Amino acid sequence: MRREIVPYKLRLKKYAQDLRRNMTLAEVLLWKRLKGRQVCGCDFDRQRPIGEYIVDFYCKELRLAVEVDGQSHDLKPDEDARRQRELEHFGVRFLRFWDQEVKTDMRSVVETIERWIRDHGKERTRANAGE
């Protein structure tokens, strides 16, 4: 069975490209660890449009969004919670890390992502395959 495609608004495509060209330092550092299937063999996209939003990193196979939150997120917790609820409606699950955490403790960040994949990855791939 084919994996269900999560829709997105086409108008976000150019904005996502701009975000890829202007990633924060923490996003650049985490992308170096996620790209090329380096984490548990999973394929991550960066600055991926989903629905009405763009997530920092996304693994389609697992429907896992990885977000790097900086100071701007301190000012809009209600908006972030609403955004996350709307994306969870599509079956997207989230891991969130603080910008500073990514910059200072990358090993722990990657270990958390790997642990999530080990704990949840098999159930997601079975569901996507229709088992």
Protein backbone atom coordinates (compact mmCIF):
# COMPACT_ATOMS: atom_id res chain seq x y z
CA MET A 1 0.00 0.00 0.00
CA ARG A 2 1.26 3.48 -0.82
CA ARG A 3 2.08 6.00 1.87
CA GLU A 4 -0.58 8.69 2.27
CA ILE A 5 0.60 12.10 1.09
CA VAL A 6 0.22 15.01 3.48
CA PRO A 7 -1.07 18.03 1.52
CA TYR A 8 0.44 21.52 1.60
CA LYS A 9 -0.33 24.94 0.18
CA LEU A 10 1.64 25.56 -3.04
CA ARG A 11 2.22 29.20 -2.07
CA LEU A 12 4.53 27.94 0.70
CA LYS A 13 6.99 26.33 -1.73
CA LYS A 14 8.94 29.53 -2.48
CA TYR A 15 8.90 30.59 1.17
CA ALA A 16 10.31 27.17 2.14
CA GLN A 17 13.11 27.62 -0.43
CA ASP A 18 13.91 31.02 1.10
CA LEU A 19 14.01 29.47 4.58
CA ARG A 20 16.41 26.78 3.34
CA ARG A 21 18.77 29.50 2.10
CA ASN A 22 18.54 31.40 5.40
CA MET A 23 18.59 28.73 8.09
CA THR A 24 19.62 29.61 11.63
CA LEU A 25 22.95 28.32 12.94
CA ALA A 26 21.17 25.68 15.03
CA GLU A 27 19.19 24.52 11.97
CA VAL A 28 22.38 24.29 9.90
CA LEU A 29 24.10 22.25 12.61
CA LEU A 30 21.19 19.85 13.01
CA TRP A 31 20.76 19.51 9.23
CA LYS A 32 24.40 18.36 8.98
CA ARG A 33 23.43 15.47 11.27
CA LEU A 34 20.05 14.62 9.69
CA LYS A 35 20.83 14.79 5.98
CA GLY A 36 21.91 11.78 3.98
CA ARG A 37 20.04 9.25 6.12
CA GLN A 38 22.63 9.55 8.90
CA VAL A 39 20.11 9.05 11.71
CA CYS A 40 18.76 5.48 11.76
CA GLY A 41 18.68 5.45 7.95
CA CYS A 42 15.76 7.90 7.89
CA ASP A 43 15.31 10.43 5.10
CA PHE A 44 14.66 13.95 6.41
CA ASP A 45 13.68 17.03 4.40
CA ARG A 46 14.44 20.53 5.63
CA GLN A 47 11.98 23.41 5.72
CA ARG A 48 9.12 21.19 4.56
CA PRO A 49 5.65 22.61 3.81
CA ILE A 50 2.83 20.67 5.47
CA GLY A 51 -0.72 21.96 5.38
CA GLU A 52 -0.62 25.71 6.02
CA TYR A 53 2.80 25.61 7.70
CA ILE A 54 6.49 24.83 7.25
CA VAL A 55 8.33 22.56 9.67
CA ASP A 56 12.09 22.72 10.18
CA PHE A 57 12.80 19.05 9.43
CA TYR A 58 10.45 16.28 8.36
CA CYS A 59 10.70 12.53 7.81
CA LYS A 60 7.83 11.50 5.51
CA GLU A 61 8.18 7.80 6.27
CA LEU A 62 7.66 8.36 10.00
CA ARG A 63 5.57 11.54 9.76
CA LEU A 64 8.01 13.03 12.24
CA ALA A 65 8.63 16.77 12.41
CA VAL A 66 11.71 18.00 14.24
CA GLU A 67 11.52 21.64 15.27
CA VAL A 68 14.27 23.93 16.51
CA ASP A 69 12.71 26.64 18.68
CA GLY A 70 14.50 29.92 19.24
CA GLN A 71 13.62 33.11 21.09
CA SER A 72 10.77 33.97 18.72
CA HIS A 73 8.87 30.98 20.09
CA ASP A 74 8.90 32.49 23.59
CA LEU A 75 6.59 35.21 22.29
CA LYS A 76 3.97 32.97 20.67
CA PRO A 77 3.38 29.75 22.63
CA ASP A 78 -0.37 29.72 21.86
CA GLU A 79 0.28 30.06 18.12
CA ASP A 80 2.86 27.26 18.24
CA ALA A 81 0.44 24.98 20.12
CA ARG A 82 -2.37 25.66 17.60
CA ARG A 83 0.00 25.04 14.69
CA GLN A 84 1.15 21.76 16.20
CA ARG A 85 -2.44 20.59 16.86
CA GLU A 86 -3.39 21.34 13.24
CA LEU A 87 -0.42 19.38 11.92
CA GLU A 88 -1.07 16.50 14.30
CA HIS A 89 -4.47 16.25 12.58
CA PHE A 90 -2.49 14.96 9.54
CA GLY A 91 -0.77 12.37 11.74
CA VAL A 92 2.43 14.39 12.14
CA ARG A 93 4.28 13.84 15.42
CA PHE A 94 6.74 16.34 16.87
CA LEU A 95 10.08 16.51 18.58
CA ARG A 96 11.09 20.00 19.73
CA PHE A 97 14.50 21.24 20.76
CA TRP A 98 15.67 24.64 21.90
CA ASP A 99 18.11 26.47 19.64
CA GLN A 100 20.70 26.60 22.44
CA GLU A 101 20.33 22.88 23.12
CA VAL A 102 21.15 22.07 19.49
CA LYS A 103 24.20 24.35 19.58
CA THR A 104 25.61 23.06 22.87
CA ASP A 105 24.50 19.42 23.19
CA MET A 106 24.07 17.95 19.72
CA ARG A 107 24.86 14.45 20.92
CA SER A 108 21.87 14.48 23.28
CA VAL A 109 19.60 15.93 20.56
CA VAL A 110 20.56 13.21 18.08
CA GLU A 111 20.22 10.50 20.75
CA THR A 112 16.69 11.73 21.51
CA ILE A 113 15.76 11.58 17.83
CA GLU A 114 17.27 8.08 17.50
CA ARG A 115 15.42 6.90 20.62
CA TRP A 116 12.12 8.25 19.25
CA ILE A 117 12.71 6.45 15.95
CA ARG A 118 13.53 3.18 17.74
CA ASP A 119 10.46 3.51 19.99
CA HIS A 120 7.95 4.75 17.39
CA GLY A 121 9.42 4.14 13.95
CA LYS A 122 8.34 0.55 13.46
CA GLU A 123 4.71 1.28 14.32
CA ARG A 124 4.65 4.16 11.81
CA THR A 125 6.20 2.20 8.94
CA ARG A 126 3.77 -0.72 9.56
CA ALA A 127 0.82 1.70 9.50
CA ASN A 128 2.10 3.33 6.28
CA ALA A 129 2.52 -0.09 4.66
CA GLY A 130 -1.02 -1.12 5.64
CA GLU A 131 0.08 -4.05 7.83
